[in-house]
Amino acid sequence: MKSGHYADNHASGRVMTKLGFRYAKESMRFSKARGHAVRFLDTRMKRENFRR
């Protein structure tokens, strides 16, 4: 499973970590709301760590 958040959104990072996501890579993504590229942190969760 894939997800991610903007690097300055610490609350989203904490929630994803708590759910079991782990950081995979960092990239720059354009934010339409901000009007410029922003640091984005991609996260992943392995299938075996997913609980329904």
PDB file of N, CA and C in Angstrom:
ATOM      1  N   MET A   1       0.842  -1.147   0.000  1.00  0.00           N
ATOM      2  CA  MET A   1       0.000   0.000   0.000  1.00  0.00           C
ATOM      3  C   MET A   1       0.904   1.233   0.000  1.00  0.00           C
ATOM      4  N   LYS A   2       0.501   2.249  -0.738  1.00  0.00           N
ATOM      5  CA  LYS A   2       1.295   3.471  -0.848  1.00  0.00           C
ATOM      6  C   LYS A   2       0.524   4.657  -0.294  1.00  0.00           C
ATOM      7  N   SER A   3       1.266   5.594   0.243  1.00  0.00           N
ATOM      8  CA  SER A   3       0.683   6.847   0.716  1.00  0.00           C
ATOM      9  C   SER A   3       1.807   7.878   0.783  1.00  0.00           C
ATOM     10  N   GLY A   4       1.555   8.997   1.405  1.00  0.00           N
ATOM     11  CA  GLY A   4       2.585  10.011   1.559  1.00  0.00           C
ATOM     12  C   GLY A   4       1.998  11.309   2.078  1.00  0.00           C
ATOM     13  N   HIS A   5       2.899  12.248   2.343  1.00  0.00           N
ATOM     14  CA  HIS A   5       2.462  13.553   2.852  1.00  0.00           C
ATOM     15  C   HIS A   5       3.557  14.576   2.594  1.00  0.00           C
ATOM     16  N   TYR A   6       3.150  15.839   2.613  1.00  0.00           N
ATOM     17  CA  TYR A   6       4.131  16.908   2.477  1.00  0.00           C
ATOM     18  C   TYR A   6       4.971  16.963   3.751  1.00  0.00           C
ATOM     19  N   ALA A   7       6.251  17.200   3.589  1.00  0.00           N
ATOM     20  CA  ALA A   7       7.206  17.114   4.702  1.00  0.00           C
ATOM     21  C   ALA A   7       6.873  18.059   5.856  1.00  0.00           C
ATOM     22  N   ASP A   8       6.234  19.175   5.582  1.00  0.00           N
ATOM     23  CA  ASP A   8       5.924  20.112   6.659  1.00  0.00           C
ATOM     24  C   ASP A   8       4.593  19.785   7.355  1.00  0.00           C
ATOM     25  N   ASN A   9       3.954  18.692   6.959  1.00  0.00           N
ATOM     26  CA  ASN A   9       2.699  18.267   7.590  1.00  0.00           C
ATOM     27  C   ASN A   9       3.019  17.142   8.580  1.00  0.00           C
ATOM     28  N   HIS A  10       3.539  17.533   9.726  1.00  0.00           N
ATOM     29  CA  HIS A  10       4.010  16.572  10.721  1.00  0.00           C
ATOM     30  C   HIS A  10       2.887  15.718  11.302  1.00  0.00           C
ATOM     31  N   ALA A  11       1.700  16.284  11.429  1.00  0.00           N
ATOM     32  CA  ALA A  11       0.577  15.517  11.976  1.00  0.00           C
ATOM     33  C   ALA A  11       0.243  14.322  11.084  1.00  0.00           C
ATOM     34  N   SER A  12       0.215  14.535   9.775  1.00  0.00           N
ATOM     35  CA  SER A  12      -0.054  13.422   8.856  1.00  0.00           C
ATOM     36  C   SER A  12       1.036  12.365   8.951  1.00  0.00           C
ATOM     37  N   GLY A  13       2.272  12.791   9.088  1.00  0.00           N
ATOM     38  CA  GLY A  13       3.380  11.852   9.241  1.00  0.00           C
ATOM     39  C   GLY A  13       3.233  10.986  10.475  1.00  0.00           C
ATOM     40  N   ARG A  14       2.822  11.588  11.576  1.00  0.00           N
ATOM     41  CA  ARG A  14       2.629  10.825  12.823  1.00  0.00           C
ATOM     42  C   ARG A  14       1.494   9.816  12.679  1.00  0.00           C
ATOM     43  N   VAL A  15       0.399  10.227  12.046  1.00  0.00           N
ATOM     44  CA  VAL A  15      -0.736   9.319  11.856  1.00  0.00           C
ATOM     45  C   VAL A  15      -0.320   8.134  10.998  1.00  0.00           C
ATOM     46  N   MET A  16       0.364   8.391   9.890  1.00  0.00           N
ATOM     47  CA  MET A  16       0.770   7.294   9.002  1.00  0.00           C
ATOM     48  C   MET A  16       1.750   6.346   9.681  1.00  0.00           C
ATOM     49  N   THR A  17       2.676   6.899  10.439  1.00  0.00           N
ATOM     50  CA  THR A  17       3.625   6.054  11.176  1.00  0.00           C
ATOM     51  C   THR A  17       2.885   5.192  12.193  1.00  0.00           C
ATOM     52  N   LYS A  18       1.934   5.778  12.872  1.00  0.00           N
ATOM     53  CA  LYS A  18       1.149   5.044  13.868  1.00  0.00           C
ATOM     54  C   LYS A  18       0.348   3.915  13.217  1.00  0.00           C
ATOM     55  N   LEU A  19      -0.106   4.123  11.978  1.00  0.00           N
ATOM     56  CA  LEU A  19      -0.868   3.106  11.251  1.00  0.00           C
ATOM     57  C   LEU A  19       0.009   1.994  10.685  1.00  0.00           C
ATOM     58  N   GLY A  20       1.328   2.210  10.666  1.00  0.00           N
ATOM     59  CA  GLY A  20       2.232   1.179  10.185  1.00  0.00           C
ATOM     60  C   GLY A  20       2.965   1.504   8.899  1.00  0.00           C
ATOM     61  N   PHE A  21       2.766   2.697   8.349  1.00  0.00           N
ATOM     62  CA  PHE A  21       3.489   3.097   7.142  1.00  0.00           C
ATOM     63  C   PHE A  21       4.927   3.438   7.502  1.00  0.00           C
ATOM     64  N   ARG A  22       5.839   3.178   6.582  1.00  0.00           N
ATOM     65  CA  ARG A  22       7.251   3.504   6.770  1.00  0.00           C
ATOM     66  C   ARG A  22       7.723   4.349   5.583  1.00  0.00           C
ATOM     67  N   TYR A  23       8.670   5.244   5.842  1.00  0.00           N
ATOM     68  CA  TYR A  23       9.176   6.123   4.793  1.00  0.00           C
ATOM     69  C   TYR A  23       9.937   5.341   3.740  1.00  0.00           C
ATOM     70  N   ALA A  24       9.652   5.652   2.475  1.00  0.00           N
ATOM     71  CA  ALA A  24      10.277   4.952   1.353  1.00  0.00           C
ATOM     72  C   ALA A  24      11.219   5.863   0.570  1.00  0.00           C
ATOM     73  N   LYS A  25      10.773   7.067   0.267  1.00  0.00           N
ATOM     74  CA  LYS A  25      11.621   8.003  -0.478  1.00  0.00           C
ATOM     75  C   LYS A  25      11.095   9.420  -0.332  1.00  0.00           C
ATOM     76  N   GLU A  26      11.900  10.340  -0.795  1.00  0.00           N
ATOM     77  CA  GLU A  26      11.575  11.769  -0.736  1.00  0.00           C
ATOM     78  C   GLU A  26      11.615  12.322  -2.147  1.00  0.00           C
ATOM     79  N   SER A  27      10.686  13.218  -2.468  1.00  0.00           N
ATOM     80  CA  SER A  27      10.672  13.832  -3.787  1.00  0.00           C
ATOM     81  C   SER A  27      10.084  15.239  -3.677  1.00  0.00           C
ATOM     82  N   MET A  28      10.094  15.941  -4.776  1.00  0.00           N
ATOM     83  CA  MET A  28       9.460  17.255  -4.844  1.00  0.00           C
ATOM     84  C   MET A  28       8.198  17.108  -5.676  1.00  0.00           C
ATOM     85  N   ARG A  29       7.087  17.635  -5.165  1.00  0.00           N
ATOM     86  CA  ARG A  29       5.812  17.591  -5.885  1.00  0.00           C
ATOM     87  C   ARG A  29       5.223  18.987  -5.925  1.00  0.00           C
ATOM     88  N   PHE A  30       4.600  19.279  -7.064  1.00  0.00           N
ATOM     89  CA  PHE A  30       3.959  20.576  -7.202  1.00  0.00           C
ATOM     90  C   PHE A  30       2.671  20.592  -6.389  1.00  0.00           C
ATOM     91  N   SER A  31       2.504  21.619  -5.582  1.00  0.00           N
ATOM     92  CA  SER A  31       1.282  21.826  -4.808  1.00  0.00           C
ATOM     93  C   SER A  31       0.502  22.955  -5.470  1.00  0.00           C
ATOM     94  N   LYS A  32      -0.651  22.608  -6.019  1.00  0.00           N
ATOM     95  CA  LYS A  32      -1.473  23.618  -6.677  1.00  0.00           C
ATOM     96  C   LYS A  32      -1.903  24.704  -5.688  1.00  0.00           C
ATOM     97  N   ALA A  33      -2.242  24.301  -4.461  1.00  0.00           N
ATOM     98  CA  ALA A  33      -2.689  25.261  -3.447  1.00  0.00           C
ATOM     99  C   ALA A  33      -1.578  26.247  -3.069  1.00  0.00           C
ATOM    100  N   ARG A  34      -0.339  25.763  -3.039  1.00  0.00           N
ATOM    101  CA  ARG A  34       0.779  26.622  -2.635  1.00  0.00           C
ATOM    102  C   ARG A  34       1.414  27.334  -3.822  1.00  0.00           C
ATOM    103  N   GLY A  35       1.218  26.780  -5.009  1.00  0.00           N
ATOM    104  CA  GLY A  35       1.736  27.403  -6.217  1.00  0.00           C
ATOM    105  C   GLY A  35       3.205  27.138  -6.494  1.00  0.00           C
ATOM    106  N   HIS A  36       3.794  26.146  -5.834  1.00  0.00           N
ATOM    107  CA  HIS A  36       5.198  25.797  -6.070  1.00  0.00           C
ATOM    108  C   HIS A  36       5.467  24.361  -5.621  1.00  0.00           C
ATOM    109  N   ALA A  37       6.630  23.860  -5.961  1.00  0.00           N
ATOM    110  CA  ALA A  37       7.016  22.500  -5.577  1.00  0.00           C
ATOM    111  C   ALA A  37       7.336  22.448  -4.085  1.00  0.00           C
ATOM    112  N   VAL A  38       6.933  21.355  -3.460  1.00  0.00           N
ATOM    113  CA  VAL A  38       7.105  21.169  -2.023  1.00  0.00           C
ATOM    114  C   VAL A  38       7.673  19.771  -1.784  1.00  0.00           C
ATOM    115  N   ARG A  39       8.502  19.635  -0.751  1.00  0.00           N
ATOM    116  CA  ARG A  39       9.087  18.339  -0.390  1.00  0.00           C
ATOM    117  C   ARG A  39       7.981  17.363   0.008  1.00  0.00           C
ATOM    118  N   PHE A  40       7.987  16.173  -0.594  1.00  0.00           N
ATOM    119  CA  PHE A  40       6.963  15.168  -0.354  1.00  0.00           C
ATOM    120  C   PHE A  40       7.623  13.883   0.118  1.00  0.00           C
ATOM    121  N   LEU A  41       7.058  13.259   1.145  1.00  0.00           N
ATOM    122  CA  LEU A  41       7.605  12.015   1.693  1.00  0.00           C
ATOM    123  C   LEU A  41       6.676  10.864   1.340  1.00  0.00           C
ATOM    124  N   ASP A  42       7.174   9.941   0.517  1.00  0.00           N
ATOM    125  CA  ASP A  42       6.412   8.749   0.148  1.00  0.00           C
ATOM    126  C   ASP A  42       6.534   7.720   1.253  1.00  0.00           C
ATOM    127  N   THR A  43       5.423   7.072   1.563  1.00  0.00           N
ATOM    128  CA  THR A  43       5.423   6.023   2.579  1.00  0.00           C
ATOM    129  C   THR A  43       4.831   4.750   1.985  1.00  0.00           C
ATOM    130  N   ARG A  44       5.195   3.629   2.561  1.00  0.00           N
ATOM    131  CA  ARG A  44       4.717   2.316   2.110  1.00  0.00           C
ATOM    132  C   ARG A  44       4.358   1.467   3.321  1.00  0.00           C
ATOM    133  N   MET A  45       3.423   0.541   3.092  1.00  0.00           N
ATOM    134  CA  MET A  45       3.103  -0.455   4.101  1.00  0.00           C
ATOM    135  C   MET A  45       3.132  -1.814   3.409  1.00  0.00           C
ATOM    136  N   LYS A  46       3.877  -2.736   3.978  1.00  0.00           N
ATOM    137  CA  LYS A  46       3.943  -4.076   3.417  1.00  0.00           C
ATOM    138  C   LYS A  46       2.624  -4.801   3.656  1.00  0.00           C
ATOM    139  N   ARG A  47       2.291  -5.684   2.735  1.00  0.00           N
ATOM    140  CA  ARG A  47       1.040  -6.441   2.818  1.00  0.00           C
ATOM    141  C   ARG A  47       0.889  -7.167   4.158  1.00  0.00           C
ATOM    142  N   GLU A  48       1.984  -7.753   4.633  1.00  0.00           N
ATOM    143  CA  GLU A  48       1.909  -8.518   5.884  1.00  0.00           C
ATOM    144  C   GLU A  48       1.692  -7.635   7.118  1.00  0.00           C
ATOM    145  N   ASN A  49       1.908  -6.328   6.991  1.00  0.00           N
ATOM    146  CA  ASN A  49       1.686  -5.414   8.117  1.00  0.00           C
ATOM    147  C   ASN A  49       0.288  -4.791   8.115  1.00  0.00           C
ATOM    148  N   PHE A  50      -0.475  -5.057   7.051  1.00  0.00           N
ATOM    149  CA  PHE A  50      -1.828  -4.506   6.944  1.00  0.00           C
ATOM    150  C   PHE A  50      -2.794  -5.339   7.769  1.00  0.00           C
ATOM    151  N   ARG A  51      -3.532  -4.664   8.653  1.00  0.00           N
ATOM    152  CA  ARG A  51      -4.557  -5.334   9.480  1.00  0.00           C
ATOM    153  C   ARG A  51      -5.906  -4.752   9.150  1.00  0.00           C
ATOM    154  N   ARG A  52      -6.888  -5.578   8.954  1.00  0.00           N
ATOM    155  CA  ARG A  52      -8.247  -5.107   8.618  1.00  0.00           C
ATOM    156  C   ARG A  52      -9.028  -4.792   9.851  1.00  0.00           C
TER     157      ARG A  52
END
